[in-house]
């Protein structure tokens, strides 16, 4: 799986889970589709677009900077940021948590 560093995906999923009724309702109203039926890369893009919608360029740049900042203490030396087992496992764990939160 090729995708963003795992922390970006986790942060985007966390945003959607914390504001699930707003995110889910907005997506249903706009598209008529269940967001969790989307492939993960598409879901992450939708969450990002939903969150930055209506923001000015400065706000979006600040959000993107926070989103992309590596977690404190994260070892990035000699580690591929793209497509590794850690990324796959992180996304799977995050999706499992998101699906549990959505079913409540």
PDB file of N, CA and C in Angstrom:
ATOM      1  N   UNK A   1       0.847  -1.177   0.000  1.00  0.00           N
ATOM      2  CA  UNK A   1       0.000   0.000   0.000  1.00  0.00           C
ATOM      3  C   UNK A   1       0.889   1.236   0.000  1.00  0.00           C
ATOM      4  N   UNK A   2       0.687   2.111  -0.938  1.00  0.00           N
ATOM      5  CA  UNK A   2       1.430   3.349  -0.979  1.00  0.00           C
ATOM      6  C   UNK A   2       0.521   4.452  -0.476  1.00  0.00           C
ATOM      7  N   UNK A   3       1.006   5.225   0.438  1.00  0.00           N
ATOM      8  CA  UNK A   3       0.187   6.290   0.988  1.00  0.00           C
ATOM      9  C   UNK A   3       1.026   7.217   1.820  1.00  0.00           C
ATOM     10  N   UNK A   4       0.380   8.137   2.479  1.00  0.00           N
ATOM     11  CA  UNK A   4       1.114   9.109   3.284  1.00  0.00           C
ATOM     12  C   UNK A   4       1.744   8.436   4.494  1.00  0.00           C
ATOM     13  N   UNK A   5       2.676   9.104   5.160  1.00  0.00           N
ATOM     14  CA  UNK A   5       3.166   8.539   6.420  1.00  0.00           C
ATOM     15  C   UNK A   5       1.985   8.207   7.315  1.00  0.00           C
ATOM     16  N   UNK A   6       2.125   7.157   8.084  1.00  0.00           N
ATOM     17  CA  UNK A   6       0.999   6.642   8.863  1.00  0.00           C
ATOM     18  C   UNK A   6       0.373   7.690   9.774  1.00  0.00           C
ATOM     19  N   UNK A   7       1.175   8.614  10.306  1.00  0.00           N
ATOM     20  CA  UNK A   7       0.615   9.576  11.258  1.00  0.00           C
ATOM     21  C   UNK A   7      -0.377  10.529  10.598  1.00  0.00           C
ATOM     22  N   UNK A   8      -0.206  10.802   9.314  1.00  0.00           N
ATOM     23  CA  UNK A   8      -1.163  11.665   8.619  1.00  0.00           C
ATOM     24  C   UNK A   8      -2.513  10.957   8.543  1.00  0.00           C
ATOM     25  N   UNK A   9      -2.499   9.709   8.148  1.00  0.00           N
ATOM     26  CA  UNK A   9      -3.736   8.930   8.087  1.00  0.00           C
ATOM     27  C   UNK A   9      -4.403   8.820   9.445  1.00  0.00           C
ATOM     28  N   UNK A  10      -3.610   8.555  10.479  1.00  0.00           N
ATOM     29  CA  UNK A  10      -4.174   8.445  11.823  1.00  0.00           C
ATOM     30  C   UNK A  10      -4.804   9.757  12.262  1.00  0.00           C
ATOM     31  N   UNK A  11      -4.144  10.850  11.988  1.00  0.00           N
ATOM     32  CA  UNK A  11      -4.677  12.157  12.395  1.00  0.00           C
ATOM     33  C   UNK A  11      -5.975  12.484  11.654  1.00  0.00           C
ATOM     34  N   UNK A  12      -6.006  12.199  10.367  1.00  0.00           N
ATOM     35  CA  UNK A  12      -7.233  12.459   9.603  1.00  0.00           C
ATOM     36  C   UNK A  12      -8.376  11.581  10.096  1.00  0.00           C
ATOM     37  N   UNK A  13      -8.095  10.314  10.327  1.00  0.00           N
ATOM     38  CA  UNK A  13      -9.138   9.413  10.833  1.00  0.00           C
ATOM     39  C   UNK A  13      -9.625   9.860  12.209  1.00  0.00           C
ATOM     40  N   UNK A  14      -8.710  10.322  13.049  1.00  0.00           N
ATOM     41  CA  UNK A  14      -9.091  10.806  14.374  1.00  0.00           C
ATOM     42  C   UNK A  14     -10.029  12.007  14.271  1.00  0.00           C
ATOM     43  N   UNK A  15      -9.734  12.925  13.333  1.00  0.00           N
ATOM     44  CA  UNK A  15     -10.631  14.071  13.128  1.00  0.00           C
ATOM     45  C   UNK A  15     -12.038  13.611  12.785  1.00  0.00           C
ATOM     46  N   UNK A  16     -12.126  12.661  11.858  1.00  0.00           N
ATOM     47  CA  UNK A  16     -13.445  12.181  11.429  1.00  0.00           C
ATOM     48  C   UNK A  16     -14.170  11.470  12.564  1.00  0.00           C
ATOM     49  N   UNK A  17     -13.457  10.669  13.330  1.00  0.00           N
ATOM     50  CA  UNK A  17     -14.089   9.930  14.430  1.00  0.00           C
ATOM     51  C   UNK A  17     -14.589  10.896  15.503  1.00  0.00           C
ATOM     52  N   UNK A  18     -13.773  11.890  15.857  1.00  0.00           N
ATOM     53  CA  UNK A  18     -14.165  12.836  16.899  1.00  0.00           C
ATOM     54  C   UNK A  18     -15.370  13.673  16.499  1.00  0.00           C
ATOM     55  N   UNK A  19     -15.537  13.879  15.216  1.00  0.00           N
ATOM     56  CA  UNK A  19     -16.669  14.692  14.741  1.00  0.00           C
ATOM     57  C   UNK A  19     -17.529  13.861  13.780  1.00  0.00           C
ATOM     58  N   UNK A  20     -17.684  12.588  14.125  1.00  0.00           N
ATOM     59  CA  UNK A  20     -18.350  11.647  13.238  1.00  0.00           C
ATOM     60  C   UNK A  20     -19.742  12.084  12.782  1.00  0.00           C
ATOM     61  N   UNK A  21     -20.630  12.521  13.664  1.00  0.00           N
ATOM     62  CA  UNK A  21     -21.965  12.894  13.174  1.00  0.00           C
ATOM     63  C   UNK A  21     -21.910  13.987  12.095  1.00  0.00           C
ATOM     64  N   UNK A  22     -21.025  14.975  12.292  1.00  0.00           N
ATOM     65  CA  UNK A  22     -20.912  16.051  11.303  1.00  0.00           C
ATOM     66  C   UNK A  22     -20.314  15.542  10.005  1.00  0.00           C
ATOM     67  N   UNK A  23     -19.218  14.784  10.121  1.00  0.00           N
ATOM     68  CA  UNK A  23     -18.557  14.264   8.928  1.00  0.00           C
ATOM     69  C   UNK A  23     -19.469  13.307   8.169  1.00  0.00           C
ATOM     70  N   UNK A  24     -20.006  12.340   8.865  1.00  0.00           N
ATOM     71  CA  UNK A  24     -20.848  11.319   8.259  1.00  0.00           C
ATOM     72  C   UNK A  24     -22.089  11.950   7.618  1.00  0.00           C
ATOM     73  N   UNK A  25     -22.738  12.826   8.363  1.00  0.00           N
ATOM     74  CA  UNK A  25     -23.931  13.483   7.840  1.00  0.00           C
ATOM     75  C   UNK A  25     -23.643  14.321   6.604  1.00  0.00           C
ATOM     76  N   UNK A  26     -22.549  15.060   6.643  1.00  0.00           N
ATOM     77  CA  UNK A  26     -22.170  15.881   5.492  1.00  0.00           C
ATOM     78  C   UNK A  26     -21.930  15.013   4.268  1.00  0.00           C
ATOM     79  N   UNK A  27     -21.217  13.913   4.450  1.00  0.00           N
ATOM     80  CA  UNK A  27     -20.924  13.036   3.305  1.00  0.00           C
ATOM     81  C   UNK A  27     -22.199  12.384   2.765  1.00  0.00           C
ATOM     82  N   UNK A  28     -23.088  11.978   3.656  1.00  0.00           N
ATOM     83  CA  UNK A  28     -24.344  11.382   3.192  1.00  0.00           C
ATOM     84  C   UNK A  28     -25.196  12.401   2.439  1.00  0.00           C
ATOM     85  N   UNK A  29     -25.274  13.613   2.972  1.00  0.00           N
ATOM     86  CA  UNK A  29     -26.061  14.653   2.307  1.00  0.00           C
ATOM     87  C   UNK A  29     -25.496  15.014   0.934  1.00  0.00           C
ATOM     88  N   UNK A  30     -24.193  15.119   0.855  1.00  0.00           N
ATOM     89  CA  UNK A  30     -23.560  15.539  -0.401  1.00  0.00           C
ATOM     90  C   UNK A  30     -23.480  14.448  -1.443  1.00  0.00           C
ATOM     91  N   UNK A  31     -23.192  13.229  -0.998  1.00  0.00           N
ATOM     92  CA  UNK A  31     -22.900  12.167  -1.973  1.00  0.00           C
ATOM     93  C   UNK A  31     -23.888  11.011  -1.941  1.00  0.00           C
ATOM     94  N   UNK A  32     -24.574  10.835  -0.819  1.00  0.00           N
ATOM     95  CA  UNK A  32     -25.450   9.679  -0.682  1.00  0.00           C
ATOM     96  C   UNK A  32     -24.683   8.388  -0.452  1.00  0.00           C
ATOM     97  N   UNK A  33     -23.367   8.478  -0.281  1.00  0.00           N
ATOM     98  CA  UNK A  33     -22.519   7.295  -0.085  1.00  0.00           C
ATOM     99  C   UNK A  33     -22.061   7.194   1.359  1.00  0.00           C
ATOM    100  N   UNK A  34     -21.914   5.977   1.801  1.00  0.00           N
ATOM    101  CA  UNK A  34     -21.360   5.696   3.119  1.00  0.00           C
ATOM    102  C   UNK A  34     -19.847   5.905   3.048  1.00  0.00           C
ATOM    103  N   UNK A  35     -19.285   6.831   3.835  1.00  0.00           N
ATOM    104  CA  UNK A  35     -17.849   7.102   3.747  1.00  0.00           C
ATOM    105  C   UNK A  35     -16.974   5.865   3.987  1.00  0.00           C
ATOM    106  N   UNK A  36     -17.392   4.985   4.881  1.00  0.00           N
ATOM    107  CA  UNK A  36     -16.580   3.811   5.187  1.00  0.00           C
ATOM    108  C   UNK A  36     -16.538   2.798   4.050  1.00  0.00           C
ATOM    109  N   UNK A  37     -17.368   2.994   3.022  1.00  0.00           N
ATOM    110  CA  UNK A  37     -17.313   2.120   1.846  1.00  0.00           C
ATOM    111  C   UNK A  37     -16.240   2.558   0.855  1.00  0.00           C
ATOM    112  N   UNK A  38     -15.671   3.736   1.074  1.00  0.00           N
ATOM    113  CA  UNK A  38     -14.629   4.235   0.183  1.00  0.00           C
ATOM    114  C   UNK A  38     -13.310   3.511   0.434  1.00  0.00           C
ATOM    115  N   UNK A  39     -12.482   3.383  -0.602  1.00  0.00           N
ATOM    116  CA  UNK A  39     -11.122   2.888  -0.355  1.00  0.00           C
ATOM    117  C   UNK A  39     -10.403   3.863   0.577  1.00  0.00           C
ATOM    118  N   UNK A  40      -9.505   3.374   1.387  1.00  0.00           N
ATOM    119  CA  UNK A  40      -8.854   4.199   2.394  1.00  0.00           C
ATOM    120  C   UNK A  40      -8.217   5.468   1.831  1.00  0.00           C
ATOM    121  N   UNK A  41      -7.446   5.409   0.738  1.00  0.00           N
ATOM    122  CA  UNK A  41      -6.869   6.667   0.232  1.00  0.00           C
ATOM    123  C   UNK A  41      -7.944   7.702  -0.118  1.00  0.00           C
ATOM    124  N   UNK A  42      -9.053   7.257  -0.665  1.00  0.00           N
ATOM    125  CA  UNK A  42     -10.145   8.175  -0.996  1.00  0.00           C
ATOM    126  C   UNK A  42     -10.791   8.723   0.262  1.00  0.00           C
ATOM    127  N   UNK A  43     -10.981   7.877   1.258  1.00  0.00           N
ATOM    128  CA  UNK A  43     -11.562   8.323   2.525  1.00  0.00           C
ATOM    129  C   UNK A  43     -10.693   9.403   3.158  1.00  0.00           C
ATOM    130  N   UNK A  44      -9.380   9.199   3.156  1.00  0.00           N
ATOM    131  CA  UNK A  44      -8.484  10.201   3.729  1.00  0.00           C
ATOM    132  C   UNK A  44      -8.567  11.512   2.968  1.00  0.00           C
ATOM    133  N   UNK A  45      -8.650  11.452   1.645  1.00  0.00           N
ATOM    134  CA  UNK A  45      -8.800  12.673   0.845  1.00  0.00           C
ATOM    135  C   UNK A  45     -10.108  13.390   1.166  1.00  0.00           C
ATOM    136  N   UNK A  46     -11.179  12.632   1.339  1.00  0.00           N
ATOM    137  CA  UNK A  46     -12.484  13.217   1.654  1.00  0.00           C
ATOM    138  C   UNK A  46     -12.446  13.887   3.029  1.00  0.00           C
ATOM    139  N   UNK A  47     -11.827  13.229   4.007  1.00  0.00           N
ATOM    140  CA  UNK A  47     -11.723  13.816   5.342  1.00  0.00           C
ATOM    141  C   UNK A  47     -10.931  15.114   5.278  1.00  0.00           C
ATOM    142  N   UNK A  48      -9.814  15.088   4.575  1.00  0.00           N
ATOM    143  CA  UNK A  48      -8.986  16.292   4.441  1.00  0.00           C
ATOM    144  C   UNK A  48      -9.783  17.424   3.798  1.00  0.00           C
ATOM    145  N   UNK A  49     -10.448  17.130   2.694  1.00  0.00           N
ATOM    146  CA  UNK A  49     -11.221  18.156   1.980  1.00  0.00           C
ATOM    147  C   UNK A  49     -12.341  18.706   2.863  1.00  0.00           C
ATOM    148  N   UNK A  50     -13.014  17.825   3.605  1.00  0.00           N
ATOM    149  CA  UNK A  50     -14.089  18.244   4.502  1.00  0.00           C
ATOM    150  C   UNK A  50     -13.544  19.189   5.576  1.00  0.00           C
ATOM    151  N   UNK A  51     -12.380  18.866   6.116  1.00  0.00           N
ATOM    152  CA  UNK A  51     -11.836  19.654   7.213  1.00  0.00           C
ATOM    153  C   UNK A  51     -11.358  21.030   6.757  1.00  0.00           C
ATOM    154  N   UNK A  52     -10.744  21.121   5.566  1.00  0.00           N
ATOM    155  CA  UNK A  52     -10.177  22.405   5.124  1.00  0.00           C
ATOM    156  C   UNK A  52     -11.163  23.250   4.331  1.00  0.00           C
ATOM    157  N   UNK A  53     -12.315  22.692   4.000  1.00  0.00           N
ATOM    158  CA  UNK A  53     -13.310  23.420   3.209  1.00  0.00           C
ATOM    159  C   UNK A  53     -13.656  24.748   3.878  1.00  0.00           C
ATOM    160  N   UNK A  54     -13.606  25.793   3.117  1.00  0.00           N
ATOM    161  CA  UNK A  54     -13.962  27.109   3.621  1.00  0.00           C
ATOM    162  C   UNK A  54     -12.835  27.828   4.351  1.00  0.00           C
ATOM    163  N   UNK A  55     -11.723  27.136   4.594  1.00  0.00           N
ATOM    164  CA  UNK A  55     -10.597  27.772   5.266  1.00  0.00           C
ATOM    165  C   UNK A  55      -9.814  28.646   4.301  1.00  0.00           C
ATOM    166  N   UNK A  56      -9.231  29.705   4.822  1.00  0.00           N
ATOM    167  CA  UNK A  56      -8.412  30.527   3.940  1.00  0.00           C
ATOM    168  C   UNK A  56      -7.042  29.862   3.767  1.00  0.00           C
ATOM    169  N   UNK A  57      -6.277  30.394   2.854  1.00  0.00           N
ATOM    170  CA  UNK A  57      -4.994  29.783   2.505  1.00  0.00           C
ATOM    171  C   UNK A  57      -4.058  29.649   3.708  1.00  0.00           C
ATOM    172  N   UNK A  58      -4.053  30.653   4.573  1.00  0.00           N
ATOM    173  CA  UNK A  58      -3.184  30.640   5.751  1.00  0.00           C
ATOM    174  C   UNK A  58      -3.617  29.550   6.739  1.00  0.00           C
ATOM    175  N   UNK A  59      -4.925  29.443   6.982  1.00  0.00           N
ATOM    176  CA  UNK A  59      -5.435  28.407   7.892  1.00  0.00           C
ATOM    177  C   UNK A  59      -5.140  27.013   7.361  1.00  0.00           C
ATOM    178  N   UNK A  60      -5.338  26.812   6.064  1.00  0.00           N
ATOM    179  CA  UNK A  60      -5.087  25.510   5.456  1.00  0.00           C
ATOM    180  C   UNK A  60      -3.600  25.166   5.547  1.00  0.00           C
ATOM    181  N   UNK A  61      -2.731  26.133   5.311  1.00  0.00           N
ATOM    182  CA  UNK A  61      -1.285  25.897   5.393  1.00  0.00           C
ATOM    183  C   UNK A  61      -0.886  25.505   6.818  1.00  0.00           C
ATOM    184  N   UNK A  62      -1.450  26.182   7.835  1.00  0.00           N
ATOM    185  CA  UNK A  62      -1.148  25.842   9.230  1.00  0.00           C
ATOM    186  C   UNK A  62      -1.639  24.432   9.559  1.00  0.00           C
ATOM    187  N   UNK A  63      -2.851  24.108   9.116  1.00  0.00           N
ATOM    188  CA  UNK A  63      -3.394  22.769   9.362  1.00  0.00           C
ATOM    189  C   UNK A  63      -2.511  21.712   8.707  1.00  0.00           C
ATOM    190  N   UNK A  64      -2.133  21.950   7.464  1.00  0.00           N
ATOM    191  CA  UNK A  64      -1.310  20.977   6.734  1.00  0.00           C
ATOM    192  C   UNK A  64       0.048  20.785   7.418  1.00  0.00           C
ATOM    193  N   UNK A  65       0.616  21.870   7.921  1.00  0.00           N
ATOM    194  CA  UNK A  65       1.897  21.782   8.627  1.00  0.00           C
ATOM    195  C   UNK A  65       1.765  20.917   9.881  1.00  0.00           C
ATOM    196  N   UNK A  66       0.697  21.139  10.656  1.00  0.00           N
ATOM    197  CA  UNK A  66       0.472  20.313  11.851  1.00  0.00           C
ATOM    198  C   UNK A  66       0.195  18.858  11.479  1.00  0.00           C
ATOM    199  N   UNK A  67      -0.557  18.667  10.431  1.00  0.00           N
ATOM    200  CA  UNK A  67      -0.912  17.321   9.978  1.00  0.00           C
ATOM    201  C   UNK A  67       0.326  16.530   9.570  1.00  0.00           C
ATOM    202  N   UNK A  68       1.244  17.178   8.879  1.00  0.00           N
ATOM    203  CA  UNK A  68       2.404  16.492   8.321  1.00  0.00           C
ATOM    204  C   UNK A  68       3.586  16.383   9.279  1.00  0.00           C
ATOM    205  N   UNK A  69       3.549  17.106  10.392  1.00  0.00           N
ATOM    206  CA  UNK A  69       4.660  17.063  11.347  1.00  0.00           C
ATOM    207  C   UNK A  69       4.783  15.660  11.939  1.00  0.00           C
ATOM    208  N   UNK A  70       5.985  15.086  11.902  1.00  0.00           N
ATOM    209  CA  UNK A  70       6.150  13.746  12.503  1.00  0.00           C
ATOM    210  C   UNK A  70       5.838  13.768  13.991  1.00  0.00           C
ATOM    211  N   UNK A  71       5.361  12.666  14.525  1.00  0.00           N
ATOM    212  CA  UNK A  71       5.099  12.594  15.969  1.00  0.00           C
ATOM    213  C   UNK A  71       6.393  12.825  16.751  1.00  0.00           C
ATOM    214  N   UNK A  72       6.268  13.384  17.930  1.00  0.00           N
ATOM    215  CA  UNK A  72       7.437  13.607  18.785  1.00  0.00           C
ATOM    216  C   UNK A  72       8.139  12.281  19.044  1.00  0.00           C
ATOM    217  N   UNK A  73       9.449  12.287  18.884  1.00  0.00           N
ATOM    218  CA  UNK A  73      10.229  11.081  19.164  1.00  0.00           C
ATOM    219  C   UNK A  73      10.210  10.050  18.059  1.00  0.00           C
ATOM    220  N   UNK A  74       9.565  10.332  16.957  1.00  0.00           N
ATOM    221  CA  UNK A  74       9.486   9.375  15.858  1.00  0.00           C
ATOM    222  C   UNK A  74      10.852   9.249  15.189  1.00  0.00           C
ATOM    223  N   UNK A  75      11.330   8.040  15.052  1.00  0.00           N
ATOM    224  CA  UNK A  75      12.605   7.775  14.390  1.00  0.00           C
ATOM    225  C   UNK A  75      12.371   7.641  12.894  1.00  0.00           C
ATOM    226  N   UNK A  76      12.850   8.624  12.132  1.00  0.00           N
ATOM    227  CA  UNK A  76      12.661   8.591  10.682  1.00  0.00           C
ATOM    228  C   UNK A  76      13.949   8.272   9.939  1.00  0.00           C
ATOM    229  N   UNK A  77      15.064   8.234  10.642  1.00  0.00           N
ATOM    230  CA  UNK A  77      16.329   7.905  10.002  1.00  0.00           C
ATOM    231  C   UNK A  77      16.302   6.465   9.501  1.00  0.00           C
ATOM    232  N   UNK A  78      16.804   6.270   8.287  1.00  0.00           N
ATOM    233  CA  UNK A  78      16.919   4.928   7.689  1.00  0.00           C
ATOM    234  C   UNK A  78      15.591   4.178   7.670  1.00  0.00           C
ATOM    235  N   UNK A  79      14.516   4.881   7.507  1.00  0.00           N
ATOM    236  CA  UNK A  79      13.190   4.255   7.476  1.00  0.00           C
ATOM    237  C   UNK A  79      12.408   4.811   6.297  1.00  0.00           C
ATOM    238  N   UNK A  80      11.881   3.928   5.500  1.00  0.00           N
ATOM    239  CA  UNK A  80      11.049   4.378   4.380  1.00  0.00           C
ATOM    240  C   UNK A  80       9.727   4.886   4.942  1.00  0.00           C
ATOM    241  N   UNK A  81       9.341   6.102   4.577  1.00  0.00           N
ATOM    242  CA  UNK A  81       8.074   6.653   5.065  1.00  0.00           C
ATOM    243  C   UNK A  81       6.888   6.105   4.293  1.00  0.00           C
ATOM    244  N   UNK A  82       7.104   5.593   3.129  1.00  0.00           N
ATOM    245  CA  UNK A  82       6.030   5.186   2.238  1.00  0.00           C
ATOM    246  C   UNK A  82       5.979   3.677   2.132  1.00  0.00           C
ATOM    247  N   UNK A  83       4.808   3.134   2.257  1.00  0.00           N
ATOM    248  CA  UNK A  83       4.546   1.730   1.993  1.00  0.00           C
ATOM    249  C   UNK A  83       5.398   0.783   2.833  1.00  0.00           C
ATOM    250  N   UNK A  84       5.097   0.686   4.101  1.00  0.00           N
ATOM    251  CA  UNK A  84       5.766  -0.291   4.943  1.00  0.00           C
ATOM    252  C   UNK A  84       4.743  -0.980   5.831  1.00  0.00           C
ATOM    253  N   UNK A  85       5.186  -2.014   6.514  1.00  0.00           N
ATOM    254  CA  UNK A  85       4.266  -2.787   7.353  1.00  0.00           C
ATOM    255  C   UNK A  85       3.664  -1.932   8.461  1.00  0.00           C
ATOM    256  N   UNK A  86       4.447  -1.018   9.021  1.00  0.00           N
ATOM    257  CA  UNK A  86       3.944  -0.159  10.093  1.00  0.00           C
ATOM    258  C   UNK A  86       2.775   0.695   9.610  1.00  0.00           C
ATOM    259  N   UNK A  87       2.890   1.220   8.396  1.00  0.00           N
ATOM    260  CA  UNK A  87       1.819   2.033   7.826  1.00  0.00           C
ATOM    261  C   UNK A  87       0.553   1.197   7.656  1.00  0.00           C
ATOM    262  N   UNK A  88       0.696   0.020   7.065  1.00  0.00           N
ATOM    263  CA  UNK A  88      -0.460  -0.857   6.854  1.00  0.00           C
ATOM    264  C   UNK A  88      -1.136  -1.208   8.175  1.00  0.00           C
ATOM    265  N   UNK A  89      -0.339  -1.558   9.182  1.00  0.00           N
ATOM    266  CA  UNK A  89      -0.910  -1.930  10.478  1.00  0.00           C
ATOM    267  C   UNK A  89      -1.594  -0.737  11.144  1.00  0.00           C
ATOM    268  N   UNK A  90      -0.981   0.439  11.047  1.00  0.00           N
ATOM    269  CA  UNK A  90      -1.572   1.631  11.657  1.00  0.00           C
ATOM    270  C   UNK A  90      -2.920   1.959  11.035  1.00  0.00           C
ATOM    271  N   UNK A  91      -2.987   1.900   9.702  1.00  0.00           N
ATOM    272  CA  UNK A  91      -4.242   2.181   9.027  1.00  0.00           C
ATOM    273  C   UNK A  91      -5.300   1.146   9.401  1.00  0.00           C
ATOM    274  N   UNK A  92      -4.915  -0.113   9.452  1.00  0.00           N
ATOM    275  CA  UNK A  92      -5.873  -1.159   9.803  1.00  0.00           C
ATOM    276  C   UNK A  92      -6.415  -0.941  11.218  1.00  0.00           C
ATOM    277  N   UNK A  93      -5.523  -0.605  12.156  1.00  0.00           N
ATOM    278  CA  UNK A  93      -5.963  -0.343  13.527  1.00  0.00           C
ATOM    279  C   UNK A  93      -6.876   0.871  13.593  1.00  0.00           C
ATOM    280  N   UNK A  94      -6.490   1.920  12.888  1.00  0.00           N
ATOM    281  CA  UNK A  94      -7.306   3.136  12.900  1.00  0.00           C
ATOM    282  C   UNK A  94      -8.677   2.880  12.284  1.00  0.00           C
ATOM    283  N   UNK A  95      -8.727   2.143  11.203  1.00  0.00           N
ATOM    284  CA  UNK A  95     -10.009   1.847  10.559  1.00  0.00           C
ATOM    285  C   UNK A  95     -10.881   0.998  11.461  1.00  0.00           C
ATOM    286  N   UNK A  96     -10.279   0.052  12.168  1.00  0.00           N
ATOM    287  CA  UNK A  96     -11.050  -0.769  13.085  1.00  0.00           C
ATOM    288  C   UNK A  96     -11.677   0.082  14.188  1.00  0.00           C
ATOM    289  N   UNK A  97     -10.908   1.038  14.714  1.00  0.00           N
ATOM    290  CA  UNK A  97     -11.423   1.957  15.731  1.00  0.00           C
ATOM    291  C   UNK A  97     -12.495   2.858  15.179  1.00  0.00           C
ATOM    292  N   UNK A  98     -12.320   3.280  13.940  1.00  0.00           N
ATOM    293  CA  UNK A  98     -13.303   4.171  13.312  1.00  0.00           C
ATOM    294  C   UNK A  98     -14.620   3.429  13.101  1.00  0.00           C
ATOM    295  N   UNK A  99     -14.543   2.190  12.660  1.00  0.00           N
ATOM    296  CA  UNK A  99     -15.766   1.423  12.416  1.00  0.00           C
ATOM    297  C   UNK A  99     -16.491   1.142  13.729  1.00  0.00           C
ATOM    298  N   UNK A 100     -15.740   0.891  14.798  1.00  0.00           N
ATOM    299  CA  UNK A 100     -16.381   0.662  16.113  1.00  0.00           C
ATOM    300  C   UNK A 100     -17.065   1.934  16.588  1.00  0.00           C
ATOM    301  N   UNK A 101     -16.395   3.073  16.420  1.00  0.00           N
ATOM    302  CA  UNK A 101     -16.978   4.356  16.853  1.00  0.00           C
ATOM    303  C   UNK A 101     -18.223   4.692  16.040  1.00  0.00           C
ATOM    304  N   UNK A 102     -18.217   4.367  14.769  1.00  0.00           N
ATOM    305  CA  UNK A 102     -19.340   4.689  13.899  1.00  0.00           C
ATOM    306  C   UNK A 102     -20.555   3.828  14.232  1.00  0.00           C
ATOM    307  N   UNK A 103     -20.327   2.629  14.751  1.00  0.00           N
ATOM    308  CA  UNK A 103     -21.452   1.726  15.011  1.00  0.00           C
ATOM    309  C   UNK A 103     -22.113   2.007  16.360  1.00  0.00           C
ATOM    310  N   UNK A 104     -21.558   2.935  17.137  1.00  0.00           N
ATOM    311  CA  UNK A 104     -22.149   3.258  18.452  1.00  0.00           C
ATOM    312  C   UNK A 104     -23.380   4.087  18.320  1.00  0.00           C
TER     313      UNK A 104
END
